[in-house]
PDB file of N, CA and C in Angstrom:
ATOM      1  N   MET A   1       9.147  34.687   6.124  1.00  0.00           N
ATOM      2  CA  MET A   1       9.134  33.230   6.207  1.00  0.00           C
ATOM      3  C   MET A   1      10.496  32.772   6.708  1.00  0.00           C
ATOM      4  N   THR A   2      10.480  31.863   7.662  1.00  0.00           N
ATOM      5  CA  THR A   2      11.736  31.361   8.196  1.00  0.00           C
ATOM      6  C   THR A   2      12.328  30.318   7.257  1.00  0.00           C
ATOM      7  N   GLU A   3      13.590  30.006   7.503  1.00  0.00           N
ATOM      8  CA  GLU A   3      14.271  29.014   6.672  1.00  0.00           C
ATOM      9  C   GLU A   3      13.612  27.639   6.786  1.00  0.00           C
ATOM     10  N   GLY A   4      13.189  27.264   7.965  1.00  0.00           N
ATOM     11  CA  GLY A   4      12.526  25.978   8.179  1.00  0.00           C
ATOM     12  C   GLY A   4      11.196  25.883   7.445  1.00  0.00           C
ATOM     13  N   GLU A   5      10.437  26.990   7.437  1.00  0.00           N
ATOM     14  CA  GLU A   5       9.162  26.995   6.719  1.00  0.00           C
ATOM     15  C   GLU A   5       9.383  26.849   5.218  1.00  0.00           C
ATOM     16  N   ALA A   6      10.394  27.539   4.696  1.00  0.00           N
ATOM     17  CA  ALA A   6      10.695  27.444   3.261  1.00  0.00           C
ATOM     18  C   ALA A   6      11.118  26.031   2.892  1.00  0.00           C
ATOM     19  N   ARG A   7      11.948  25.426   3.730  1.00  0.00           N
ATOM     20  CA  ARG A   7      12.381  24.051   3.463  1.00  0.00           C
ATOM     21  C   ARG A   7      11.194  23.101   3.533  1.00  0.00           C
ATOM     22  N   GLY A   8      10.281  23.319   4.475  1.00  0.00           N
ATOM     23  CA  GLY A   8       9.092  22.483   4.607  1.00  0.00           C
ATOM     24  C   GLY A   8       8.201  22.573   3.383  1.00  0.00           C
ATOM     25  N   GLN A   9       8.074  23.767   2.828  1.00  0.00           N
ATOM     26  CA  GLN A   9       7.264  23.919   1.627  1.00  0.00           C
ATOM     27  C   GLN A   9       7.918  23.260   0.422  1.00  0.00           C
ATOM     28  N   ARG A  10       9.247  23.298   0.329  1.00  0.00           N
ATOM     29  CA  ARG A  10       9.948  22.672  -0.794  1.00  0.00           C
ATOM     30  C   ARG A  10       9.841  21.157  -0.747  1.00  0.00           C
ATOM     31  N   THR A  11       9.774  20.559   0.444  1.00  0.00           N
ATOM     32  CA  THR A  11       9.720  19.099   0.551  1.00  0.00           C
ATOM     33  C   THR A  11       8.296  18.560   0.614  1.00  0.00           C
ATOM     34  N   ALA A  12       7.317  19.431   0.814  1.00  0.00           N
ATOM     35  CA  ALA A  12       5.933  18.956   0.937  1.00  0.00           C
ATOM     36  C   ALA A  12       5.393  18.439  -0.390  1.00  0.00           C
ATOM     37  N   ALA A  13       5.688  19.114  -1.482  1.00  0.00           N
ATOM     38  CA  ALA A  13       5.149  18.693  -2.782  1.00  0.00           C
ATOM     39  C   ALA A  13       5.681  17.330  -3.214  1.00  0.00           C
ATOM     40  N   PRO A  14       7.001  17.080  -3.170  1.00  0.00           N
ATOM     41  CA  PRO A  14       7.463  15.736  -3.549  1.00  0.00           C
ATOM     42  C   PRO A  14       6.925  14.644  -2.615  1.00  0.00           C
ATOM     43  N   ALA A  15       6.802  14.949  -1.345  1.00  0.00           N
ATOM     44  CA  ALA A  15       6.274  13.969  -0.401  1.00  0.00           C
ATOM     45  C   ALA A  15       4.807  13.690  -0.706  1.00  0.00           C
ATOM     46  N   SER A  16       4.063  14.717  -1.069  1.00  0.00           N
ATOM     47  CA  SER A  16       2.661  14.519  -1.421  1.00  0.00           C
ATOM     48  C   SER A  16       2.531  13.653  -2.667  1.00  0.00           C
ATOM     49  N   ARG A  17       3.387  13.893  -3.660  1.00  0.00           N
ATOM     50  CA  ARG A  17       3.356  13.075  -4.877  1.00  0.00           C
ATOM     51  C   ARG A  17       3.708  11.629  -4.563  1.00  0.00           C
ATOM     52  N   LEU A  18       4.714  11.430  -3.723  1.00  0.00           N
ATOM     53  CA  LEU A  18       5.103  10.077  -3.337  1.00  0.00           C
ATOM     54  C   LEU A  18       3.957   9.386  -2.603  1.00  0.00           C
ATOM     55  N   GLY A  19       3.343  10.086  -1.674  1.00  0.00           N
ATOM     56  CA  GLY A  19       2.225   9.524  -0.928  1.00  0.00           C
ATOM     57  C   GLY A  19       1.055   9.165  -1.840  1.00  0.00           C
ATOM     58  N   LEU A  20       0.757  10.032  -2.790  1.00  0.00           N
ATOM     59  CA  LEU A  20      -0.327   9.749  -3.730  1.00  0.00           C
ATOM     60  C   LEU A  20       0.005   8.561  -4.619  1.00  0.00           C
ATOM     61  N   ALA A  21       1.247   8.459  -5.074  1.00  0.00           N
ATOM     62  CA  ALA A  21       1.664   7.334  -5.909  1.00  0.00           C
ATOM     63  C   ALA A  21       1.562   6.019  -5.128  1.00  0.00           C
ATOM     64  N   MET A  22       1.985   6.040  -3.887  1.00  0.00           N
ATOM     65  CA  MET A  22       1.915   4.834  -3.061  1.00  0.00           C
ATOM     66  C   MET A  22       0.462   4.467  -2.759  1.00  0.00           C
ATOM     67  N   PHE A  23      -0.369   5.464  -2.540  1.00  0.00           N
ATOM     68  CA  PHE A  23      -1.789   5.211  -2.328  1.00  0.00           C
ATOM     69  C   PHE A  23      -2.408   4.592  -3.585  1.00  0.00           C
ATOM     70  N   GLY A  24      -2.039   5.128  -4.746  1.00  0.00           N
ATOM     71  CA  GLY A  24      -2.521   4.575  -6.010  1.00  0.00           C
ATOM     72  C   GLY A  24      -2.104   3.124  -6.179  1.00  0.00           C
ATOM     73  N   LEU A  25      -0.868   2.809  -5.816  1.00  0.00           N
ATOM     74  CA  LEU A  25      -0.394   1.428  -5.892  1.00  0.00           C
ATOM     75  C   LEU A  25      -1.219   0.529  -4.979  1.00  0.00           C
ATOM     76  N   TYR A  26      -1.491   0.980  -3.778  1.00  0.00           N
ATOM     77  CA  TYR A  26      -2.277   0.170  -2.848  1.00  0.00           C
ATOM     78  C   TYR A  26      -3.708  -0.009  -3.347  1.00  0.00           C
ATOM     79  N   VAL A  27      -4.289   1.040  -3.927  1.00  0.00           N
ATOM     80  CA  VAL A  27      -5.639   0.925  -4.480  1.00  0.00           C
ATOM     81  C   VAL A  27      -5.662  -0.114  -5.593  1.00  0.00           C
ATOM     82  N   LEU A  28      -4.624  -0.149  -6.428  1.00  0.00           N
ATOM     83  CA  LEU A  28      -4.542  -1.165  -7.482  1.00  0.00           C
ATOM     84  C   LEU A  28      -4.454  -2.571  -6.884  1.00  0.00           C
ATOM     85  N   LEU A  29      -3.640  -2.736  -5.846  1.00  0.00           N
ATOM     86  CA  LEU A  29      -3.538  -4.038  -5.194  1.00  0.00           C
ATOM     87  C   LEU A  29      -4.883  -4.465  -4.608  1.00  0.00           C
ATOM     88  N   TYR A  30      -5.525  -3.555  -3.918  1.00  0.00           N
ATOM     89  CA  TYR A  30      -6.812  -3.867  -3.297  1.00  0.00           C
ATOM     90  C   TYR A  30      -7.872  -4.134  -4.360  1.00  0.00           C
ATOM     91  N   GLY A  31      -7.876  -3.316  -5.407  1.00  0.00           N
ATOM     92  CA  GLY A  31      -8.822  -3.522  -6.500  1.00  0.00           C
ATOM     93  C   GLY A  31      -8.623  -4.875  -7.171  1.00  0.00           C
ATOM     94  N   GLY A  32      -7.363  -5.280  -7.327  1.00  0.00           N
ATOM     95  CA  GLY A  32      -7.079  -6.595  -7.884  1.00  0.00           C
ATOM     96  C   GLY A  32      -7.621  -7.707  -7.002  1.00  0.00           C
ATOM     97  N   PHE A  33      -7.465  -7.554  -5.709  1.00  0.00           N
ATOM     98  CA  PHE A  33      -7.986  -8.553  -4.770  1.00  0.00           C
ATOM     99  C   PHE A  33      -9.505  -8.635  -4.847  1.00  0.00           C
ATOM    100  N   ILE A  34     -10.165  -7.492  -4.840  1.00  0.00           N
ATOM    101  CA  ILE A  34     -11.619  -7.465  -4.905  1.00  0.00           C
ATOM    102  C   ILE A  34     -12.101  -8.049  -6.236  1.00  0.00           C
ATOM    103  N   THR A  35     -11.417  -7.709  -7.321  1.00  0.00           N
ATOM    104  CA  THR A  35     -11.776  -8.266  -8.625  1.00  0.00           C
ATOM    105  C   THR A  35     -11.630  -9.779  -8.620  1.00  0.00           C
ATOM    106  N   LEU A  36     -10.566 -10.275  -8.025  1.00  0.00           N
ATOM    107  CA  LEU A  36     -10.356 -11.712  -7.936  1.00  0.00           C
ATOM    108  C   LEU A  36     -11.483 -12.381  -7.151  1.00  0.00           C
ATOM    109  N   VAL A  37     -11.882 -11.769  -6.063  1.00  0.00           N
ATOM    110  CA  VAL A  37     -12.966 -12.320  -5.245  1.00  0.00           C
ATOM    111  C   VAL A  37     -14.281 -12.336  -6.035  1.00  0.00           C
ATOM    112  N   LEU A  38     -14.528 -11.286  -6.794  1.00  0.00           N
ATOM    113  CA  LEU A  38     -15.774 -11.215  -7.552  1.00  0.00           C
ATOM    114  C   LEU A  38     -15.785 -12.138  -8.761  1.00  0.00           C
ATOM    115  N   VAL A  39     -14.653 -12.240  -9.451  1.00  0.00           N
ATOM    116  CA  VAL A  39     -14.588 -12.999 -10.696  1.00  0.00           C
ATOM    117  C   VAL A  39     -14.334 -14.485 -10.465  1.00  0.00           C
ATOM    118  N   ARG A  40     -13.475 -14.797  -9.511  1.00  0.00           N
ATOM    119  CA  ARG A  40     -13.094 -16.195  -9.272  1.00  0.00           C
ATOM    120  C   ARG A  40     -13.232 -16.577  -7.803  1.00  0.00           C
ATOM    121  N   PRO A  41     -14.439 -16.610  -7.263  1.00  0.00           N
ATOM    122  CA  PRO A  41     -14.599 -16.982  -5.855  1.00  0.00           C
ATOM    123  C   PRO A  41     -14.128 -18.410  -5.577  1.00  0.00           C
ATOM    124  N   ASP A  42     -14.172 -19.255  -6.602  1.00  0.00           N
ATOM    125  CA  ASP A  42     -13.692 -20.625  -6.425  1.00  0.00           C
ATOM    126  C   ASP A  42     -12.184 -20.661  -6.186  1.00  0.00           C
ATOM    127  N   LEU A  43     -11.477 -19.743  -6.823  1.00  0.00           N
ATOM    128  CA  LEU A  43     -10.025 -19.694  -6.667  1.00  0.00           C
ATOM    129  C   LEU A  43      -9.625 -19.235  -5.264  1.00  0.00           C
ATOM    130  N   VAL A  44     -10.275 -18.204  -4.758  1.00  0.00           N
ATOM    131  CA  VAL A  44      -9.900 -17.698  -3.434  1.00  0.00           C
ATOM    132  C   VAL A  44     -10.368 -18.620  -2.314  1.00  0.00           C
ATOM    133  N   ALA A  45     -11.239 -19.572  -2.632  1.00  0.00           N
ATOM    134  CA  ALA A  45     -11.691 -20.534  -1.627  1.00  0.00           C
ATOM    135  C   ALA A  45     -10.715 -21.701  -1.463  1.00  0.00           C
ATOM    136  N   GLU A  46      -9.781 -21.848  -2.400  1.00  0.00           N
ATOM    137  CA  GLU A  46      -8.809 -22.940  -2.292  1.00  0.00           C
ATOM    138  C   GLU A  46      -7.912 -22.741  -1.078  1.00  0.00           C
ATOM    139  N   ARG A  47      -7.350 -23.843  -0.601  1.00  0.00           N
ATOM    140  CA  ARG A  47      -6.521 -23.816   0.607  1.00  0.00           C
ATOM    141  C   ARG A  47      -5.110 -24.319   0.300  1.00  0.00           C
ATOM    142  N   PRO A  48      -4.293 -23.479  -0.341  1.00  0.00           N
ATOM    143  CA  PRO A  48      -2.948 -23.927  -0.714  1.00  0.00           C
ATOM    144  C   PRO A  48      -1.935 -23.853   0.435  1.00  0.00           C
ATOM    145  N   PHE A  49      -2.274 -23.185   1.519  1.00  0.00           N
ATOM    146  CA  PHE A  49      -1.310 -22.953   2.593  1.00  0.00           C
ATOM    147  C   PHE A  49      -1.673 -23.702   3.862  1.00  0.00           C
ATOM    148  N   GLY A  50      -1.925 -24.971   3.767  1.00  0.00           N
ATOM    149  CA  GLY A  50      -2.180 -25.776   4.956  1.00  0.00           C
ATOM    150  C   GLY A  50      -3.402 -25.383   5.734  1.00  0.00           C
ATOM    151  N   GLY A  51      -4.528 -25.214   5.079  1.00  0.00           N
ATOM    152  CA  GLY A  51      -5.763 -24.912   5.779  1.00  0.00           C
ATOM    153  C   GLY A  51      -6.190 -23.470   5.704  1.00  0.00           C
ATOM    154  N   VAL A  52      -5.287 -22.567   5.351  1.00  0.00           N
ATOM    155  CA  VAL A  52      -5.638 -21.148   5.221  1.00  0.00           C
ATOM    156  C   VAL A  52      -6.024 -20.903   3.774  1.00  0.00           C
ATOM    157  N   ASN A  53      -7.246 -20.395   3.567  1.00  0.00           N
ATOM    158  CA  ASN A  53      -7.654 -20.192   2.180  1.00  0.00           C
ATOM    159  C   ASN A  53      -6.943 -18.983   1.569  1.00  0.00           C
ATOM    160  N   LEU A  54      -6.995 -18.921   0.250  1.00  0.00           N
ATOM    161  CA  LEU A  54      -6.262 -17.890  -0.482  1.00  0.00           C
ATOM    162  C   LEU A  54      -6.773 -16.488  -0.163  1.00  0.00           C
ATOM    163  N   ALA A  55      -8.061 -16.349   0.129  1.00  0.00           N
ATOM    164  CA  ALA A  55      -8.614 -15.037   0.466  1.00  0.00           C
ATOM    165  C   ALA A  55      -7.973 -14.484   1.740  1.00  0.00           C
ATOM    166  N   ILE A  56      -7.819 -15.333   2.740  1.00  0.00           N
ATOM    167  CA  ILE A  56      -7.178 -14.901   3.991  1.00  0.00           C
ATOM    168  C   ILE A  56      -5.714 -14.556   3.748  1.00  0.00           C
ATOM    169  N   ALA A  57      -5.028 -15.389   2.983  1.00  0.00           N
ATOM    170  CA  ALA A  57      -3.616 -15.142   2.685  1.00  0.00           C
ATOM    171  C   ALA A  57      -3.447 -13.827   1.922  1.00  0.00           C
ATOM    172  N   CYS A  58      -4.320 -13.579   0.955  1.00  0.00           N
ATOM    173  CA  CYS A  58      -4.246 -12.318   0.208  1.00  0.00           C
ATOM    174  C   CYS A  58      -4.577 -11.125   1.107  1.00  0.00           C
ATOM    175  N   GLY A  59      -5.543 -11.282   1.994  1.00  0.00           N
ATOM    176  CA  GLY A  59      -5.879 -10.209   2.930  1.00  0.00           C
ATOM    177  C   GLY A  59      -4.715  -9.866   3.836  1.00  0.00           C
ATOM    178  N   LEU A  60      -4.028 -10.889   4.333  1.00  0.00           N
ATOM    179  CA  LEU A  60      -2.832 -10.634   5.149  1.00  0.00           C
ATOM    180  C   LEU A  60      -1.737  -9.989   4.313  1.00  0.00           C
ATOM    181  N   GLY A  61      -1.640 -10.407   3.054  1.00  0.00           N
ATOM    182  CA  GLY A  61      -0.673  -9.785   2.147  1.00  0.00           C
ATOM    183  C   GLY A  61      -0.968  -8.310   1.937  1.00  0.00           C
ATOM    184  N   LEU A  62      -2.239  -7.958   1.847  1.00  0.00           N
ATOM    185  CA  LEU A  62      -2.619  -6.552   1.704  1.00  0.00           C
ATOM    186  C   LEU A  62      -2.246  -5.750   2.954  1.00  0.00           C
ATOM    187  N   ILE A  63      -2.451  -6.342   4.108  1.00  0.00           N
ATOM    188  CA  ILE A  63      -2.072  -5.664   5.352  1.00  0.00           C
ATOM    189  C   ILE A  63      -0.559  -5.458   5.395  1.00  0.00           C
ATOM    190  N   LEU A  64       0.194  -6.481   5.043  1.00  0.00           N
ATOM    191  CA  LEU A  64       1.654  -6.358   5.022  1.00  0.00           C
ATOM    192  C   LEU A  64       2.112  -5.328   3.987  1.00  0.00           C
ATOM    193  N   ALA A  65       1.437  -5.284   2.840  1.00  0.00           N
ATOM    194  CA  ALA A  65       1.773  -4.293   1.820  1.00  0.00           C
ATOM    195  C   ALA A  65       1.536  -2.880   2.346  1.00  0.00           C
ATOM    196  N   ALA A  66       0.450  -2.678   3.073  1.00  0.00           N
ATOM    197  CA  ALA A  66       0.165  -1.359   3.645  1.00  0.00           C
ATOM    198  C   ALA A  66       1.236  -0.955   4.651  1.00  0.00           C
ATOM    199  N   VAL A  67       1.651  -1.894   5.485  1.00  0.00           N
ATOM    200  CA  VAL A  67       2.696  -1.601   6.470  1.00  0.00           C
ATOM    201  C   VAL A  67       4.014  -1.291   5.756  1.00  0.00           C
ATOM    202  N   LEU A  68       4.356  -2.093   4.756  1.00  0.00           N
ATOM    203  CA  LEU A  68       5.587  -1.872   4.003  1.00  0.00           C
ATOM    204  C   LEU A  68       5.576  -0.511   3.297  1.00  0.00           C
ATOM    205  N   LEU A  69       4.463  -0.172   2.673  1.00  0.00           N
ATOM    206  CA  LEU A  69       4.368   1.124   2.002  1.00  0.00           C
ATOM    207  C   LEU A  69       4.486   2.275   2.998  1.00  0.00           C
ATOM    208  N   SER A  70       3.920   2.118   4.177  1.00  0.00           N
ATOM    209  CA  SER A  70       4.021   3.188   5.173  1.00  0.00           C
ATOM    210  C   SER A  70       5.452   3.333   5.676  1.00  0.00           C
ATOM    211  N   VAL A  71       6.174   2.235   5.825  1.00  0.00           N
ATOM    212  CA  VAL A  71       7.571   2.314   6.245  1.00  0.00           C
ATOM    213  C   VAL A  71       8.414   2.965   5.156  1.00  0.00           C
ATOM    214  N   VAL A  72       8.175   2.594   3.908  1.00  0.00           N
ATOM    215  CA  VAL A  72       8.907   3.212   2.803  1.00  0.00           C
ATOM    216  C   VAL A  72       8.647   4.715   2.775  1.00  0.00           C
ATOM    217  N   TYR A  73       7.409   5.111   2.952  1.00  0.00           N
ATOM    218  CA  TYR A  73       7.066   6.535   2.968  1.00  0.00           C
ATOM    219  C   TYR A  73       7.739   7.248   4.134  1.00  0.00           C
ATOM    220  N   MET A  74       7.724   6.630   5.302  1.00  0.00           N
ATOM    221  CA  MET A  74       8.343   7.224   6.473  1.00  0.00           C
ATOM    222  C   MET A  74       9.844   7.424   6.268  1.00  0.00           C
ATOM    223  N   VAL A  75      10.505   6.416   5.704  1.00  0.00           N
ATOM    224  CA  VAL A  75      11.946   6.509   5.449  1.00  0.00           C
ATOM    225  C   VAL A  75      12.235   7.576   4.396  1.00  0.00           C
ATOM    226  N   ALA A  76      11.392   7.624   3.358  1.00  0.00           N
ATOM    227  CA  ALA A  76      11.582   8.645   2.305  1.00  0.00           C
ATOM    228  C   ALA A  76      11.404  10.039   2.869  1.00  0.00           C
ATOM    229  N   ARG A  77      10.437  10.222   3.745  1.00  0.00           N
ATOM    230  CA  ARG A  77      10.210  11.539   4.353  1.00  0.00           C
ATOM    231  C   ARG A  77      11.340  11.922   5.290  1.00  0.00           C
ATOM    232  N   ALA A  78      11.898  10.949   6.001  1.00  0.00           N
ATOM    233  CA  ALA A  78      12.979  11.243   6.946  1.00  0.00           C
ATOM    234  C   ALA A  78      14.259  11.619   6.193  1.00  0.00           C
ATOM    235  N   GLY A  79      14.416  11.109   4.983  1.00  0.00           N
ATOM    236  CA  GLY A  79      15.625  11.386   4.208  1.00  0.00           C
ATOM    237  C   GLY A  79      15.628  12.754   3.555  1.00  0.00           C
ATOM    238  N   ARG A  80      14.529  13.458   3.607  1.00  0.00           N
ATOM    239  CA  ARG A  80      14.458  14.782   2.931  1.00  0.00           C
ATOM    240  C   ARG A  80      14.851  15.884   3.859  1.00  0.00           C
TER     241      ARG A  80
END
């Protein structure tokens, strides 16, 4: 086994744990959004942001959260 392969194996496990933890966080965020839609559809229909309803705002927030989590993961992987 080369030195690069050994280093790759040593960093793969922590990166996998980080990726799984971040995925779990995103699943919780998404699950919370879906629960909100199912439990309080009247709440997500409100328009607190100048015509954009809360469901759209939360959906965009989920997209931004996914992008942010992917950047954090990318930076964490580059630092190893």
